[in-house]
Amino acid sequence: MKYNLSLRASLLALLSLLLLTACEDPIDATTQWRINNERSFNEYGSKEEYTKASIEGSSAYVYMKWLAHGEGKEYPIETSRIKCHYEMRLLVGDKVVDGNYGSERPAEFAINRGPKKQLVEGARIGLQQMVVGDEAEIIIPWYLGYGERRSGEINPYTALKFRVKLEEIIPESQRSVVAED
């Protein structure tokens, strides 16, 4: 009789657990995408070849892997305008969504200037760690990329892999008024 009572109690507990699990709200696709992107970004923290990079006075950070070291002596600052070759990929899915690596002509960007910011925050953080000639891979968490908004092929909560070669820091004296947008 003790055996029968114990078996019934175990079955009742198992049935209750199954019912509770079935009643929980399933994770929607957007939440699952965010979780997958956060997990993928965090995995880079344990990879030996990647280092954490941030701007002094900020808690925001990206992971960087140096592919080549340049001969430059100065780093771009918040007000700099730069020329670079770059490729931007989705971290989850590894799909190329933007870039100019196949082009002879480098792209030109303002680091953080004008009413229309041209670079996501994570790219700005990484570029300010580089000198001319450096080439690096910058792993950007979703909240330092496009955040909660969609941008073209990039869904909300998407972490990014940004490969960039810094070609030039444009001196203030060579900047045109049009280029300052």
C-alpha atoms as a PDB file:
ATOM      1  CA  MET A   1       0.000   0.000   0.000  1.00  0.00           C
ATOM      2  CA  LYS A   2       2.897   2.369   0.788  1.00  0.00           C
ATOM      3  CA  TYR A   3       4.288   1.638  -2.686  1.00  0.00           C
ATOM      4  CA  ASN A   4       0.946   2.402  -4.347  1.00  0.00           C
ATOM      5  CA  LEU A   5       0.556   5.692  -2.437  1.00  0.00           C
ATOM      6  CA  SER A   6       4.115   6.758  -3.270  1.00  0.00           C
ATOM      7  CA  LEU A   7       3.586   5.974  -6.958  1.00  0.00           C
ATOM      8  CA  ARG A   8       0.340   7.999  -7.008  1.00  0.00           C
ATOM      9  CA  ALA A   9       2.041  10.971  -5.328  1.00  0.00           C
ATOM     10  CA  SER A  10       4.902  10.853  -7.834  1.00  0.00           C
ATOM     11  CA  LEU A  11       2.524  10.646 -10.782  1.00  0.00           C
ATOM     12  CA  LEU A  12       0.445  13.517  -9.409  1.00  0.00           C
ATOM     13  CA  ALA A  13       3.568  15.662  -8.955  1.00  0.00           C
ATOM     14  CA  LEU A  14       4.741  14.853 -12.503  1.00  0.00           C
ATOM     15  CA  LEU A  15       1.320  15.647 -13.964  1.00  0.00           C
ATOM     16  CA  SER A  16       1.202  18.964 -12.060  1.00  0.00           C
ATOM     17  CA  LEU A  17       4.653  19.894 -13.357  1.00  0.00           C
ATOM     18  CA  LEU A  18       3.646  19.093 -16.943  1.00  0.00           C
ATOM     19  CA  LEU A  19       0.488  21.175 -16.635  1.00  0.00           C
ATOM     20  CA  LEU A  20       2.371  24.148 -15.199  1.00  0.00           C
ATOM     21  CA  THR A  21       4.965  23.958 -17.969  1.00  0.00           C
ATOM     22  CA  ALA A  22       2.254  23.833 -20.619  1.00  0.00           C
ATOM     23  CA  CYS A  23       0.574  26.940 -19.161  1.00  0.00           C
ATOM     24  CA  GLU A  24       3.708  29.128 -19.351  1.00  0.00           C
ATOM     25  CA  ASP A  25       3.786  31.694 -22.136  1.00  0.00           C
ATOM     26  CA  PRO A  26       6.096  30.587 -24.931  1.00  0.00           C
ATOM     27  CA  ILE A  27       8.942  32.935 -25.831  1.00  0.00           C
ATOM     28  CA  ASP A  28       8.035  34.984 -28.889  1.00  0.00           C
ATOM     29  CA  ALA A  29      10.364  35.104 -31.911  1.00  0.00           C
ATOM     30  CA  THR A  30      11.664  38.620 -31.147  1.00  0.00           C
ATOM     31  CA  THR A  31      12.585  37.704 -27.579  1.00  0.00           C
ATOM     32  CA  GLN A  32      14.279  34.505 -28.771  1.00  0.00           C
ATOM     33  CA  TRP A  33      16.245  36.524 -31.373  1.00  0.00           C
ATOM     34  CA  ARG A  34      17.400  38.935 -28.659  1.00  0.00           C
ATOM     35  CA  ILE A  35      18.447  36.046 -26.381  1.00  0.00           C
ATOM     36  CA  ASN A  36      20.396  34.386 -29.230  1.00  0.00           C
ATOM     37  CA  ASN A  37      22.180  37.644 -30.093  1.00  0.00           C
ATOM     38  CA  GLU A  38      23.076  38.372 -26.457  1.00  0.00           C
ATOM     39  CA  ARG A  39      24.411  34.847 -26.039  1.00  0.00           C
ATOM     40  CA  SER A  40      26.485  35.091 -29.234  1.00  0.00           C
ATOM     41  CA  PHE A  41      27.947  38.460 -28.191  1.00  0.00           C
ATOM     42  CA  ASN A  42      28.822  37.201 -24.694  1.00  0.00           C
ATOM     43  CA  GLU A  43      30.659  34.162 -26.117  1.00  0.00           C
ATOM     44  CA  TYR A  44      33.342  36.505 -27.463  1.00  0.00           C
ATOM     45  CA  GLY A  45      34.265  37.472 -23.899  1.00  0.00           C
ATOM     46  CA  SER A  46      35.817  34.044 -23.383  1.00  0.00           C
ATOM     47  CA  LYS A  47      37.729  33.991 -26.682  1.00  0.00           C
ATOM     48  CA  GLU A  48      41.398  34.643 -26.059  1.00  0.00           C
ATOM     49  CA  GLU A  49      42.002  36.629 -29.260  1.00  0.00           C
ATOM     50  CA  TYR A  50      39.263  39.187 -28.450  1.00  0.00           C
ATOM     51  CA  THR A  51      39.714  42.039 -25.995  1.00  0.00           C
ATOM     52  CA  LYS A  52      37.141  44.279 -24.376  1.00  0.00           C
ATOM     53  CA  ALA A  53      37.315  47.861 -25.658  1.00  0.00           C
ATOM     54  CA  SER A  54      35.562  50.959 -24.341  1.00  0.00           C
ATOM     55  CA  ILE A  55      35.846  54.724 -24.298  1.00  0.00           C
ATOM     56  CA  GLU A  56      37.222  56.292 -21.120  1.00  0.00           C
ATOM     57  CA  GLY A  57      34.394  57.263 -18.770  1.00  0.00           C
ATOM     58  CA  SER A  58      31.863  54.883 -20.337  1.00  0.00           C
ATOM     59  CA  SER A  59      30.671  51.452 -19.244  1.00  0.00           C
ATOM     60  CA  ALA A  60      29.685  50.545 -22.834  1.00  0.00           C
ATOM     61  CA  TYR A  61      32.064  48.116 -24.531  1.00  0.00           C
ATOM     62  CA  VAL A  62      32.658  46.000 -27.618  1.00  0.00           C
ATOM     63  CA  TYR A  63      34.975  43.054 -28.233  1.00  0.00           C
ATOM     64  CA  MET A  64      37.843  43.550 -30.687  1.00  0.00           C
ATOM     65  CA  LYS A  65      40.270  41.268 -32.484  1.00  0.00           C
ATOM     66  CA  TRP A  66      43.235  42.867 -34.243  1.00  0.00           C
ATOM     67  CA  LEU A  67      43.791  41.555 -37.773  1.00  0.00           C
ATOM     68  CA  ALA A  68      46.666  43.935 -38.658  1.00  0.00           C
ATOM     69  CA  HIS A  69      48.525  46.732 -36.879  1.00  0.00           C
ATOM     70  CA  GLY A  70      49.126  50.014 -38.653  1.00  0.00           C
ATOM     71  CA  GLU A  71      51.914  52.543 -38.438  1.00  0.00           C
ATOM     72  CA  GLY A  72      49.689  55.476 -37.477  1.00  0.00           C
ATOM     73  CA  LYS A  73      50.405  57.500 -34.363  1.00  0.00           C
ATOM     74  CA  GLU A  74      47.059  59.158 -33.641  1.00  0.00           C
ATOM     75  CA  TYR A  75      43.642  57.813 -32.815  1.00  0.00           C
ATOM     76  CA  PRO A  76      40.396  59.262 -34.182  1.00  0.00           C
ATOM     77  CA  ILE A  77      38.414  61.198 -31.609  1.00  0.00           C
ATOM     78  CA  GLU A  78      34.712  61.954 -31.323  1.00  0.00           C
ATOM     79  CA  THR A  79      34.973  64.893 -33.739  1.00  0.00           C
ATOM     80  CA  SER A  80      37.136  63.093 -36.336  1.00  0.00           C
ATOM     81  CA  ARG A  81      36.182  62.264 -39.868  1.00  0.00           C
ATOM     82  CA  ILE A  82      37.744  59.064 -41.234  1.00  0.00           C
ATOM     83  CA  LYS A  83      38.155  56.978 -44.385  1.00  0.00           C
ATOM     84  CA  CYS A  84      37.944  53.206 -44.100  1.00  0.00           C
ATOM     85  CA  HIS A  85      37.115  49.940 -45.768  1.00  0.00           C
ATOM     86  CA  TYR A  86      34.542  47.956 -43.832  1.00  0.00           C
ATOM     87  CA  GLU A  87      32.172  45.027 -43.842  1.00  0.00           C
ATOM     88  CA  MET A  88      29.195  44.687 -41.533  1.00  0.00           C
ATOM     89  CA  ARG A  89      27.704  41.253 -40.841  1.00  0.00           C
ATOM     90  CA  LEU A  90      24.960  39.921 -38.639  1.00  0.00           C
ATOM     91  CA  LEU A  91      26.613  38.164 -35.701  1.00  0.00           C
ATOM     92  CA  VAL A  92      23.908  35.489 -35.712  1.00  0.00           C
ATOM     93  CA  GLY A  93      23.668  34.095 -39.227  1.00  0.00           C
ATOM     94  CA  ASP A  94      26.928  35.710 -40.436  1.00  0.00           C
ATOM     95  CA  LYS A  95      25.169  37.488 -43.343  1.00  0.00           C
ATOM     96  CA  VAL A  96      26.877  40.528 -44.923  1.00  0.00           C
ATOM     97  CA  VAL A  97      24.500  43.512 -44.712  1.00  0.00           C
ATOM     98  CA  ASP A  98      26.781  46.407 -45.711  1.00  0.00           C
ATOM     99  CA  GLY A  99      30.342  47.188 -46.685  1.00  0.00           C
ATOM    100  CA  ASN A 100      32.884  48.315 -49.243  1.00  0.00           C
ATOM    101  CA  TYR A 101      35.787  45.843 -48.873  1.00  0.00           C
ATOM    102  CA  GLY A 102      35.759  45.041 -52.602  1.00  0.00           C
ATOM    103  CA  SER A 103      35.949  48.721 -53.547  1.00  0.00           C
ATOM    104  CA  GLU A 104      39.110  50.694 -54.299  1.00  0.00           C
ATOM    105  CA  ARG A 105      37.591  53.806 -52.782  1.00  0.00           C
ATOM    106  CA  PRO A 106      37.265  53.893 -48.992  1.00  0.00           C
ATOM    107  CA  ALA A 107      34.066  55.059 -47.326  1.00  0.00           C
ATOM    108  CA  GLU A 108      34.129  58.349 -45.452  1.00  0.00           C
ATOM    109  CA  PHE A 109      32.396  58.758 -42.090  1.00  0.00           C
ATOM    110  CA  ALA A 110      32.098  61.272 -39.301  1.00  0.00           C
ATOM    111  CA  ILE A 111      32.803  59.476 -36.018  1.00  0.00           C
ATOM    112  CA  ASN A 112      30.113  61.334 -34.096  1.00  0.00           C
ATOM    113  CA  ARG A 113      29.190  64.602 -35.721  1.00  0.00           C
ATOM    114  CA  GLY A 114      26.214  66.320 -37.244  1.00  0.00           C
ATOM    115  CA  PRO A 115      22.482  65.800 -36.888  1.00  0.00           C
ATOM    116  CA  LYS A 116      22.647  62.446 -38.668  1.00  0.00           C
ATOM    117  CA  LYS A 117      24.986  60.050 -36.897  1.00  0.00           C
ATOM    118  CA  GLN A 118      26.629  57.905 -39.581  1.00  0.00           C
ATOM    119  CA  LEU A 119      28.001  55.116 -37.404  1.00  0.00           C
ATOM    120  CA  VAL A 120      26.417  52.975 -34.723  1.00  0.00           C
ATOM    121  CA  GLU A 121      27.807  53.508 -31.226  1.00  0.00           C
ATOM    122  CA  GLY A 122      29.695  50.189 -31.194  1.00  0.00           C
ATOM    123  CA  ALA A 123      31.580  51.100 -34.392  1.00  0.00           C
ATOM    124  CA  ARG A 124      32.475  54.495 -32.904  1.00  0.00           C
ATOM    125  CA  ILE A 125      33.882  52.819 -29.792  1.00  0.00           C
ATOM    126  CA  GLY A 126      35.990  50.416 -31.854  1.00  0.00           C
ATOM    127  CA  LEU A 127      37.266  52.970 -34.348  1.00  0.00           C
ATOM    128  CA  GLN A 128      38.512  55.218 -31.558  1.00  0.00           C
ATOM    129  CA  GLN A 129      40.836  52.359 -30.474  1.00  0.00           C
ATOM    130  CA  MET A 130      42.529  52.240 -33.893  1.00  0.00           C
ATOM    131  CA  VAL A 131      45.323  54.076 -35.698  1.00  0.00           C
ATOM    132  CA  VAL A 132      45.713  54.453 -39.474  1.00  0.00           C
ATOM    133  CA  GLY A 133      46.586  51.087 -41.010  1.00  0.00           C
ATOM    134  CA  ASP A 134      44.951  49.041 -38.251  1.00  0.00           C
ATOM    135  CA  GLU A 135      42.474  46.377 -39.299  1.00  0.00           C
ATOM    136  CA  ALA A 136      40.172  44.870 -36.706  1.00  0.00           C
ATOM    137  CA  GLU A 137      37.014  42.897 -36.153  1.00  0.00           C
ATOM    138  CA  ILE A 138      34.601  44.645 -33.790  1.00  0.00           C
ATOM    139  CA  ILE A 139      31.836  42.621 -32.136  1.00  0.00           C
ATOM    140  CA  ILE A 140      28.951  44.947 -31.303  1.00  0.00           C
ATOM    141  CA  PRO A 141      26.087  44.088 -28.920  1.00  0.00           C
ATOM    142  CA  TRP A 142      22.575  44.850 -30.164  1.00  0.00           C
ATOM    143  CA  TYR A 143      22.137  47.834 -27.827  1.00  0.00           C
ATOM    144  CA  LEU A 144      25.242  49.542 -29.323  1.00  0.00           C
ATOM    145  CA  GLY A 145      24.125  48.694 -32.867  1.00  0.00           C
ATOM    146  CA  TYR A 146      20.654  49.512 -34.137  1.00  0.00           C
ATOM    147  CA  GLY A 147      19.013  48.712 -30.800  1.00  0.00           C
ATOM    148  CA  GLU A 148      15.291  48.069 -30.777  1.00  0.00           C
ATOM    149  CA  ARG A 149      14.706  49.438 -34.276  1.00  0.00           C
ATOM    150  CA  ARG A 150      14.853  47.817 -37.694  1.00  0.00           C
ATOM    151  CA  SER A 151      17.269  49.172 -40.295  1.00  0.00           C
ATOM    152  CA  GLY A 152      16.981  47.637 -43.748  1.00  0.00           C
ATOM    153  CA  GLU A 153      17.840  43.934 -43.426  1.00  0.00           C
ATOM    154  CA  ILE A 154      18.818  44.342 -39.785  1.00  0.00           C
ATOM    155  CA  ASN A 155      16.162  43.252 -37.295  1.00  0.00           C
ATOM    156  CA  PRO A 156      15.744  44.805 -33.856  1.00  0.00           C
ATOM    157  CA  TYR A 157      18.073  43.339 -31.190  1.00  0.00           C
ATOM    158  CA  THR A 158      20.730  42.309 -33.717  1.00  0.00           C
ATOM    159  CA  ALA A 159      24.374  42.036 -32.658  1.00  0.00           C
ATOM    160  CA  LEU A 160      26.876  42.912 -35.391  1.00  0.00           C
ATOM    161  CA  LYS A 161      30.339  41.886 -36.561  1.00  0.00           C
ATOM    162  CA  PHE A 162      32.095  44.910 -38.050  1.00  0.00           C
ATOM    163  CA  ARG A 163      35.385  44.331 -39.887  1.00  0.00           C
ATOM    164  CA  VAL A 164      37.185  47.594 -40.582  1.00  0.00           C
ATOM    165  CA  LYS A 165      40.515  48.869 -41.904  1.00  0.00           C
ATOM    166  CA  LEU A 166      41.214  52.482 -40.949  1.00  0.00           C
ATOM    167  CA  GLU A 167      42.743  54.141 -44.031  1.00  0.00           C
ATOM    168  CA  GLU A 168      42.894  57.790 -43.022  1.00  0.00           C
ATOM    169  CA  ILE A 169      41.976  60.346 -40.392  1.00  0.00           C
ATOM    170  CA  ILE A 170      41.040  63.440 -42.375  1.00  0.00           C
ATOM    171  CA  PRO A 171      42.699  66.572 -40.961  1.00  0.00           C
ATOM    172  CA  GLU A 172      40.312  69.367 -39.988  1.00  0.00           C
ATOM    173  CA  SER A 173      41.898  71.665 -42.617  1.00  0.00           C
ATOM    174  CA  GLN A 174      40.987  69.248 -45.457  1.00  0.00           C
ATOM    175  CA  ARG A 175      37.326  68.810 -44.562  1.00  0.00           C
ATOM    176  CA  SER A 176      34.696  70.381 -46.731  1.00  0.00           C
ATOM    177  CA  VAL A 177      31.558  71.969 -45.342  1.00  0.00           C
ATOM    178  CA  VAL A 178      29.440  69.450 -47.302  1.00  0.00           C
ATOM    179  CA  ALA A 179      31.354  66.496 -45.820  1.00  0.00           C
ATOM    180  CA  GLU A 180      30.526  67.582 -42.284  1.00  0.00           C
ATOM    181  CA  ASP A 181      26.825  66.589 -42.466  1.00  0.00           C
END
